[in-house]
PDB file of N, CA and C in Angstrom:
ATOM      1  N   MET A   1       0.851  -1.140  -0.004  1.00  0.00           N
ATOM      2  CA  MET A   1       0.009  -0.005   0.010  1.00  0.00           C
ATOM      3  C   MET A   1       0.898   1.230   0.003  1.00  0.00           C
ATOM      4  N   PRO A   2       0.610   2.178  -0.909  1.00  0.00           N
ATOM      5  CA  PRO A   2       1.428   3.421  -0.900  1.00  0.00           C
ATOM      6  C   PRO A   2       1.378   4.079   0.468  1.00  0.00           C
ATOM      7  N   ASN A   3       2.493   4.749   0.845  1.00  0.00           N
ATOM      8  CA  ASN A   3       2.560   5.426   2.137  1.00  0.00           C
ATOM      9  C   ASN A   3       1.464   6.405   2.373  1.00  0.00           C
ATOM     10  N   ARG A   4       1.049   7.132   1.340  1.00  0.00           N
ATOM     11  CA  ARG A   4      -0.035   8.117   1.492  1.00  0.00           C
ATOM     12  C   ARG A   4      -1.292   7.450   1.921  1.00  0.00           C
ATOM     13  N   LEU A   5      -1.652   6.341   1.286  1.00  0.00           N
ATOM     14  CA  LEU A   5      -2.856   5.626   1.654  1.00  0.00           C
ATOM     15  C   LEU A   5      -2.770   4.986   3.051  1.00  0.00           C
ATOM     16  N   SER A   6      -1.592   4.515   3.345  1.00  0.00           N
ATOM     17  CA  SER A   6      -1.373   3.916   4.686  1.00  0.00           C
ATOM     18  C   SER A   6      -1.587   4.967   5.762  1.00  0.00           C
ATOM     19  N   GLY A   7      -1.071   6.171   5.549  1.00  0.00           N
ATOM     20  CA  GLY A   7      -1.249   7.277   6.458  1.00  0.00           C
ATOM     21  C   GLY A   7      -2.684   7.661   6.618  1.00  0.00           C
ATOM     22  N   LEU A   8      -3.387   7.720   5.526  1.00  0.00           N
ATOM     23  CA  LEU A   8      -4.846   8.010   5.567  1.00  0.00           C
ATOM     24  C   LEU A   8      -5.608   6.973   6.366  1.00  0.00           C
ATOM     25  N   LEU A   9      -5.272   5.750   6.139  1.00  0.00           N
ATOM     26  CA  LEU A   9      -5.923   4.624   6.872  1.00  0.00           C
ATOM     27  C   LEU A   9      -5.603   4.733   8.339  1.00  0.00           C
ATOM     28  N   ASP A  10      -4.425   5.078   8.735  1.00  0.00           N
ATOM     29  CA  ASP A  10      -4.098   5.234  10.139  1.00  0.00           C
ATOM     30  C   ASP A  10      -4.925   6.356  10.771  1.00  0.00           C
ATOM     31  N   VAL A  11      -5.011   7.486  10.100  1.00  0.00           N
ATOM     32  CA  VAL A  11      -5.795   8.620  10.586  1.00  0.00           C
ATOM     33  C   VAL A  11      -7.246   8.200  10.724  1.00  0.00           C
ATOM     34  N   ALA A  12      -7.770   7.529   9.713  1.00  0.00           N
ATOM     35  CA  ALA A  12      -9.194   7.115   9.734  1.00  0.00           C
ATOM     36  C   ALA A  12      -9.474   6.202  10.910  1.00  0.00           C
ATOM     37  N   MET A  13      -8.621   5.232  11.126  1.00  0.00           N
ATOM     38  CA  MET A  13      -8.832   4.285  12.199  1.00  0.00           C
ATOM     39  C   MET A  13      -8.754   4.954  13.568  1.00  0.00           C
ATOM     40  N   ASN A  14      -7.910   5.930  13.753  1.00  0.00           N
ATOM     41  CA  ASN A  14      -7.785   6.619  15.002  1.00  0.00           C
ATOM     42  C   ASN A  14      -8.955   7.607  15.228  1.00  0.00           C
ATOM     43  N   ASN A  15      -9.770   7.833  14.230  1.00  0.00           N
ATOM     44  CA  ASN A  15     -10.904   8.689  14.335  1.00  0.00           C
ATOM     45  C   ASN A  15     -12.240   7.969  14.431  1.00  0.00           C
ATOM     46  N   ILE A  16     -12.175   6.691  14.635  1.00  0.00           N
ATOM     47  CA  ILE A  16     -13.403   5.895  14.863  1.00  0.00           C
ATOM     48  C   ILE A  16     -13.723   6.006  16.357  1.00  0.00           C
ATOM     49  N   HIS A  17     -14.844   6.556  16.681  1.00  0.00           N
ATOM     50  CA  HIS A  17     -15.227   6.776  18.094  1.00  0.00           C
ATOM     51  C   HIS A  17     -16.548   6.132  18.423  1.00  0.00           C
ATOM     52  N   VAL A  18     -16.791   4.985  17.872  1.00  0.00           N
ATOM     53  CA  VAL A  18     -18.008   4.219  18.128  1.00  0.00           C
ATOM     54  C   VAL A  18     -17.579   2.806  18.438  1.00  0.00           C
ATOM     55  N   PRO A  19     -18.376   2.056  19.187  1.00  0.00           N
ATOM     56  CA  PRO A  19     -18.031   0.677  19.444  1.00  0.00           C
ATOM     57  C   PRO A  19     -17.877  -0.068  18.130  1.00  0.00           C
ATOM     58  N   THR A  20     -16.784  -0.792  17.985  1.00  0.00           N
ATOM     59  CA  THR A  20     -16.449  -1.469  16.760  1.00  0.00           C
ATOM     60  C   THR A  20     -16.202  -2.935  16.993  1.00  0.00           C
ATOM     61  N   LEU A  21     -16.807  -3.808  16.209  1.00  0.00           N
ATOM     62  CA  LEU A  21     -16.653  -5.255  16.291  1.00  0.00           C
ATOM     63  C   LEU A  21     -16.101  -5.783  14.987  1.00  0.00           C
ATOM     64  N   LEU A  22     -15.033  -6.549  15.036  1.00  0.00           N
ATOM     65  CA  LEU A  22     -14.547  -7.273  13.874  1.00  0.00           C
ATOM     66  C   LEU A  22     -14.889  -8.740  14.146  1.00  0.00           C
ATOM     67  N   VAL A  23     -15.703  -9.307  13.265  1.00  0.00           N
ATOM     68  CA  VAL A  23     -16.018 -10.722  13.294  1.00  0.00           C
ATOM     69  C   VAL A  23     -15.248 -11.401  12.223  1.00  0.00           C
ATOM     70  N   ARG A  24     -14.355 -12.308  12.631  1.00  0.00           N
ATOM     71  CA  ARG A  24     -13.406 -12.960  11.699  1.00  0.00           C
ATOM     72  C   ARG A  24     -13.676 -14.470  11.676  1.00  0.00           C
ATOM     73  N   GLY A  25     -13.887 -14.996  10.470  1.00  0.00           N
ATOM     74  CA  GLY A  25     -13.963 -16.433  10.277  1.00  0.00           C
ATOM     75  C   GLY A  25     -12.575 -16.994  10.464  1.00  0.00           C
ATOM     76  N   LEU A  26     -12.452 -17.936  11.383  1.00  0.00           N
ATOM     77  CA  LEU A  26     -11.108 -18.482  11.644  1.00  0.00           C
ATOM     78  C   LEU A  26     -10.492 -19.274  10.486  1.00  0.00           C
ATOM     79  N   LEU A  27     -11.335 -19.613   9.505  1.00  0.00           N
ATOM     80  CA  LEU A  27     -10.813 -20.310   8.330  1.00  0.00           C
ATOM     81  C   LEU A  27     -10.602 -19.340   7.161  1.00  0.00           C
ATOM     82  N   SER A  28     -10.704 -18.042   7.395  1.00  0.00           N
ATOM     83  CA  SER A  28     -10.601 -17.046   6.346  1.00  0.00           C
ATOM     84  C   SER A  28      -9.245 -17.087   5.674  1.00  0.00           C
ATOM     85  N   ASP A  29      -9.228 -17.051   4.353  1.00  0.00           N
ATOM     86  CA  ASP A  29      -7.962 -16.923   3.604  1.00  0.00           C
ATOM     87  C   ASP A  29      -7.832 -15.466   3.100  1.00  0.00           C
ATOM     88  N   VAL A  30      -8.731 -14.627   3.543  1.00  0.00           N
ATOM     89  CA  VAL A  30      -8.695 -13.205   3.107  1.00  0.00           C
ATOM     90  C   VAL A  30      -8.143 -12.330   4.255  1.00  0.00           C
ATOM     91  N   VAL A  31      -8.646 -12.537   5.484  1.00  0.00           N
ATOM     92  CA  VAL A  31      -8.237 -11.771   6.639  1.00  0.00           C
ATOM     93  C   VAL A  31      -7.412 -12.704   7.563  1.00  0.00           C
ATOM     94  N   THR A  32      -6.150 -12.386   7.723  1.00  0.00           N
ATOM     95  CA  THR A  32      -5.284 -13.200   8.578  1.00  0.00           C
ATOM     96  C   THR A  32      -5.534 -12.796  10.027  1.00  0.00           C
ATOM     97  N   GLN A  33      -5.131 -13.693  10.899  1.00  0.00           N
ATOM     98  CA  GLN A  33      -5.207 -13.386  12.342  1.00  0.00           C
ATOM     99  C   GLN A  33      -4.356 -12.170  12.668  1.00  0.00           C
ATOM    100  N   ALA A  34      -3.155 -12.120  12.086  1.00  0.00           N
ATOM    101  CA  ALA A  34      -2.258 -10.975  12.357  1.00  0.00           C
ATOM    102  C   ALA A  34      -2.889  -9.691  11.812  1.00  0.00           C
ATOM    103  N   GLY A  35      -3.443  -9.720  10.625  1.00  0.00           N
ATOM    104  CA  GLY A  35      -4.085  -8.508  10.074  1.00  0.00           C
ATOM    105  C   GLY A  35      -5.284  -8.070  10.920  1.00  0.00           C
ATOM    106  N   ALA A  36      -6.094  -9.054  11.389  1.00  0.00           N
ATOM    107  CA  ALA A  36      -7.229  -8.705  12.244  1.00  0.00           C
ATOM    108  C   ALA A  36      -6.745  -8.072  13.569  1.00  0.00           C
ATOM    109  N   GLU A  37      -5.716  -8.661  14.143  1.00  0.00           N
ATOM    110  CA  GLU A  37      -5.174  -8.100  15.402  1.00  0.00           C
ATOM    111  C   GLU A  37      -4.607  -6.707  15.205  1.00  0.00           C
ATOM    112  N   GLU A  38      -3.968  -6.461  14.076  1.00  0.00           N
ATOM    113  CA  GLU A  38      -3.447  -5.127  13.767  1.00  0.00           C
ATOM    114  C   GLU A  38      -4.569  -4.110  13.629  1.00  0.00           C
ATOM    115  N   LEU A  39      -5.646  -4.497  12.933  1.00  0.00           N
ATOM    116  CA  LEU A  39      -6.777  -3.602  12.777  1.00  0.00           C
ATOM    117  C   LEU A  39      -7.389  -3.265  14.109  1.00  0.00           C
ATOM    118  N   VAL A  40      -7.670  -4.285  14.926  1.00  0.00           N
ATOM    119  CA  VAL A  40      -8.300  -4.076  16.243  1.00  0.00           C
ATOM    120  C   VAL A  40      -7.380  -3.253  17.124  1.00  0.00           C
ATOM    121  N   ALA A  41      -6.096  -3.413  17.079  1.00  0.00           N
ATOM    122  CA  ALA A  41      -5.177  -2.606  17.879  1.00  0.00           C
ATOM    123  C   ALA A  41      -5.191  -1.145  17.425  1.00  0.00           C
ATOM    124  N   ALA A  42      -5.476  -0.869  16.162  1.00  0.00           N
ATOM    125  CA  ALA A  42      -5.460   0.449  15.616  1.00  0.00           C
ATOM    126  C   ALA A  42      -6.736   1.242  15.851  1.00  0.00           C
ATOM    127  N   ILE A  43      -7.798   0.575  16.177  1.00  0.00           N
ATOM    128  CA  ILE A  43      -9.146   1.222  16.418  1.00  0.00           C
ATOM    129  C   ILE A  43      -9.326   1.245  17.916  1.00  0.00           C
ATOM    130  N   PRO A  44      -9.378   2.428  18.490  1.00  0.00           N
ATOM    131  CA  PRO A  44      -9.511   2.537  19.935  1.00  0.00           C
ATOM    132  C   PRO A  44     -10.779   1.800  20.428  1.00  0.00           C
ATOM    133  N   GLY A  45     -10.594   0.851  21.379  1.00  0.00           N
ATOM    134  CA  GLY A  45     -11.752   0.154  21.941  1.00  0.00           C
ATOM    135  C   GLY A  45     -12.387  -0.888  21.072  1.00  0.00           C
ATOM    136  N   ALA A  46     -11.752  -1.242  19.972  1.00  0.00           N
ATOM    137  CA  ALA A  46     -12.325  -2.271  19.090  1.00  0.00           C
ATOM    138  C   ALA A  46     -12.230  -3.653  19.743  1.00  0.00           C
ATOM    139  N   THR A  47     -13.178  -4.523  19.323  1.00  0.00           N
ATOM    140  CA  THR A  47     -13.231  -5.902  19.833  1.00  0.00           C
ATOM    141  C   THR A  47     -13.239  -6.856  18.664  1.00  0.00           C
ATOM    142  N   MET A  48     -12.640  -8.017  18.837  1.00  0.00           N
ATOM    143  CA  MET A  48     -12.661  -9.038  17.745  1.00  0.00           C
ATOM    144  C   MET A  48     -13.214 -10.346  18.302  1.00  0.00           C
ATOM    145  N   VAL A  49     -13.987 -10.986  17.469  1.00  0.00           N
ATOM    146  CA  VAL A  49     -14.534 -12.320  17.776  1.00  0.00           C
ATOM    147  C   VAL A  49     -14.154 -13.223  16.628  1.00  0.00           C
ATOM    148  N   GLY A  50     -13.632 -14.392  16.921  1.00  0.00           N
ATOM    149  CA  GLY A  50     -13.307 -15.393  15.923  1.00  0.00           C
ATOM    150  C   GLY A  50     -14.400 -16.441  15.895  1.00  0.00           C
ATOM    151  N   VAL A  51     -14.829 -16.809  14.690  1.00  0.00           N
ATOM    152  CA  VAL A  51     -15.914 -17.789  14.530  1.00  0.00           C
ATOM    153  C   VAL A  51     -15.305 -19.040  13.918  1.00  0.00           C
ATOM    154  N   GLU A  52     -15.365 -20.141  14.716  1.00  0.00           N
ATOM    155  CA  GLU A  52     -14.859 -21.419  14.198  1.00  0.00           C
ATOM    156  C   GLU A  52     -15.758 -21.987  13.114  1.00  0.00           C
ATOM    157  N   GLY A  53     -15.146 -22.688  12.170  1.00  0.00           N
ATOM    158  CA  GLY A  53     -15.892 -23.297  11.094  1.00  0.00           C
ATOM    159  C   GLY A  53     -16.401 -22.346  10.060  1.00  0.00           C
ATOM    160  N   ALA A  54     -15.890 -21.075  10.055  1.00  0.00           N
ATOM    161  CA  ALA A  54     -16.319 -20.125   9.081  1.00  0.00           C
ATOM    162  C   ALA A  54     -15.067 -19.567   8.351  1.00  0.00           C
ATOM    163  N   ALA A  55     -15.313 -19.358   7.032  1.00  0.00           N
ATOM    164  CA  ALA A  55     -14.204 -18.701   6.263  1.00  0.00           C
ATOM    165  C   ALA A  55     -14.558 -17.190   6.158  1.00  0.00           C
ATOM    166  N   HIS A  56     -14.374 -16.639   5.024  1.00  0.00           N
ATOM    167  CA  HIS A  56     -14.572 -15.184   4.907  1.00  0.00           C
ATOM    168  C   HIS A  56     -16.019 -14.773   4.957  1.00  0.00           C
ATOM    169  N   MET A  57     -16.907 -15.581   4.490  1.00  0.00           N
ATOM    170  CA  MET A  57     -18.367 -15.268   4.497  1.00  0.00           C
ATOM    171  C   MET A  57     -18.980 -15.850   5.742  1.00  0.00           C
ATOM    172  N   ILE A  58     -18.717 -15.257   6.910  1.00  0.00           N
ATOM    173  CA  ILE A  58     -19.072 -15.821   8.180  1.00  0.00           C
ATOM    174  C   ILE A  58     -20.574 -16.044   8.335  1.00  0.00           C
ATOM    175  N   ALA A  59     -21.353 -15.053   7.980  1.00  0.00           N
ATOM    176  CA  ALA A  59     -22.811 -15.152   8.159  1.00  0.00           C
ATOM    177  C   ALA A  59     -23.375 -16.308   7.303  1.00  0.00           C
ATOM    178  N   GLY A  60     -22.774 -16.567   6.186  1.00  0.00           N
ATOM    179  CA  GLY A  60     -23.232 -17.672   5.339  1.00  0.00           C
ATOM    180  C   GLY A  60     -22.772 -19.032   5.860  1.00  0.00           C
ATOM    181  N   ASP A  61     -21.538 -19.023   6.416  1.00  0.00           N
ATOM    182  CA  ASP A  61     -20.918 -20.316   6.909  1.00  0.00           C
ATOM    183  C   ASP A  61     -21.458 -20.710   8.275  1.00  0.00           C
ATOM    184  N   GLN A  62     -21.563 -19.772   9.184  1.00  0.00           N
ATOM    185  CA  GLN A  62     -21.971 -20.041  10.555  1.00  0.00           C
ATOM    186  C   GLN A  62     -22.909 -18.928  11.029  1.00  0.00           C
ATOM    187  N   ASN A  63     -24.101 -18.876  10.467  1.00  0.00           N
ATOM    188  CA  ASN A  63     -25.025 -17.761  10.731  1.00  0.00           C
ATOM    189  C   ASN A  63     -25.339 -17.595  12.196  1.00  0.00           C
ATOM    190  N   ASP A  64     -25.649 -18.683  12.895  1.00  0.00           N
ATOM    191  CA  ASP A  64     -26.001 -18.531  14.335  1.00  0.00           C
ATOM    192  C   ASP A  64     -24.861 -17.995  15.161  1.00  0.00           C
ATOM    193  N   ALA A  65     -23.682 -18.458  14.896  1.00  0.00           N
ATOM    194  CA  ALA A  65     -22.506 -17.968  15.635  1.00  0.00           C
ATOM    195  C   ALA A  65     -22.247 -16.494  15.349  1.00  0.00           C
ATOM    196  N   PHE A  66     -22.405 -16.107  14.054  1.00  0.00           N
ATOM    197  CA  PHE A  66     -22.251 -14.717  13.664  1.00  0.00           C
ATOM    198  C   PHE A  66     -23.285 -13.842  14.363  1.00  0.00           C
ATOM    199  N   SER A  67     -24.537 -14.244  14.287  1.00  0.00           N
ATOM    200  CA  SER A  67     -25.641 -13.495  14.889  1.00  0.00           C
ATOM    201  C   SER A  67     -25.451 -13.378  16.414  1.00  0.00           C
ATOM    202  N   ASP A  68     -25.070 -14.490  17.040  1.00  0.00           N
ATOM    203  CA  ASP A  68     -24.859 -14.442  18.476  1.00  0.00           C
ATOM    204  C   ASP A  68     -23.741 -13.454  18.855  1.00  0.00           C
ATOM    205  N   ALA A  69     -22.670 -13.447  18.082  1.00  0.00           N
ATOM    206  CA  ALA A  69     -21.577 -12.515  18.380  1.00  0.00           C
ATOM    207  C   ALA A  69     -22.007 -11.057  18.238  1.00  0.00           C
ATOM    208  N   VAL A  70     -22.775 -10.780  17.211  1.00  0.00           N
ATOM    209  CA  VAL A  70     -23.246  -9.400  16.999  1.00  0.00           C
ATOM    210  C   VAL A  70     -24.247  -8.974  18.063  1.00  0.00           C
ATOM    211  N   VAL A  71     -25.180  -9.866  18.359  1.00  0.00           N
ATOM    212  CA  VAL A  71     -26.171  -9.519  19.381  1.00  0.00           C
ATOM    213  C   VAL A  71     -25.526  -9.321  20.767  1.00  0.00           C
ATOM    214  N   GLU A  72     -24.594 -10.165  21.106  1.00  0.00           N
ATOM    215  CA  GLU A  72     -23.845  -9.990  22.365  1.00  0.00           C
ATOM    216  C   GLU A  72     -23.102  -8.674  22.414  1.00  0.00           C
ATOM    217  N   PHE A  73     -22.398  -8.345  21.321  1.00  0.00           N
ATOM    218  CA  PHE A  73     -21.653  -7.102  21.223  1.00  0.00           C
ATOM    219  C   PHE A  73     -22.600  -5.944  21.389  1.00  0.00           C
ATOM    220  N   LEU A  74     -23.714  -5.933  20.724  1.00  0.00           N
ATOM    221  CA  LEU A  74     -24.693  -4.826  20.826  1.00  0.00           C
ATOM    222  C   LEU A  74     -25.239  -4.686  22.245  1.00  0.00           C
ATOM    223  N   ALA A  75     -25.530  -5.819  22.879  1.00  0.00           N
ATOM    224  CA  ALA A  75     -26.077  -5.815  24.214  1.00  0.00           C
ATOM    225  C   ALA A  75     -25.032  -5.259  25.217  1.00  0.00           C
ATOM    226  N   GLU A  76     -23.815  -5.649  25.058  1.00  0.00           N
ATOM    227  CA  GLU A  76     -22.792  -5.293  26.042  1.00  0.00           C
ATOM    228  C   GLU A  76     -22.115  -3.932  25.748  1.00  0.00           C
ATOM    229  N   ARG A  77     -21.938  -3.584  24.512  1.00  0.00           N
ATOM    230  CA  ARG A  77     -21.157  -2.377  24.172  1.00  0.00           C
ATOM    231  C   ARG A  77     -21.947  -1.218  23.650  1.00  0.00           C
ATOM    232  N   VAL A  78     -23.132  -1.501  23.050  1.00  0.00           N
ATOM    233  CA  VAL A  78     -23.927  -0.407  22.424  1.00  0.00           C
ATOM    234  C   VAL A  78     -25.102  -0.026  23.273  1.00  0.00           C
ATOM    235  N   ARG A  79     -25.869  -0.998  23.708  1.00  0.00           N
ATOM    236  CA  ARG A  79     -27.093  -0.724  24.474  1.00  0.00           C
ATOM    237  C   ARG A  79     -26.798   0.180  25.704  1.00  0.00           C
ATOM    238  N   PRO A  80     -25.738  -0.058  26.474  1.00  0.00           N
ATOM    239  CA  PRO A  80     -25.490   0.782  27.648  1.00  0.00           C
ATOM    240  C   PRO A  80     -25.256   2.277  27.281  1.00  0.00           C
ATOM    241  N   THR A  81     -24.799   2.522  26.051  1.00  0.00           N
ATOM    242  CA  THR A  81     -24.545   3.910  25.654  1.00  0.00           C
ATOM    243  C   THR A  81     -25.784   4.624  25.178  1.00  0.00           C
ATOM    244  N   LEU A  82     -26.893   3.915  25.047  1.00  0.00           N
ATOM    245  CA  LEU A  82     -28.128   4.515  24.541  1.00  0.00           C
ATOM    246  C   LEU A  82     -29.023   5.087  25.607  1.00  0.00           C
ATOM    247  N   THR A  83     -28.662   4.885  26.850  1.00  0.00           N
ATOM    248  CA  THR A  83     -29.544   5.411  27.940  1.00  0.00           C
ATOM    249  C   THR A  83     -29.212   6.803  28.300  1.00  0.00           C
TER     250      THR A  83
END
């Protein structure tokens, strides 16, 4: 990635001020564990959940696990901020 784009990406990630969840299929050949960890570390307060038995299309591969992860995240990290 050109340095200019990398710098813009860094600025963008540091300016995310909402609860952020990365759901990663543990069998993904698109998003590596290291890449996912790097992204989560760059976004203040971000959370990552790994879904076993899912590749890159998590909701299609393991819909219940994907939905459970999203609902749990919303209940724990978003709902409390709405009051």
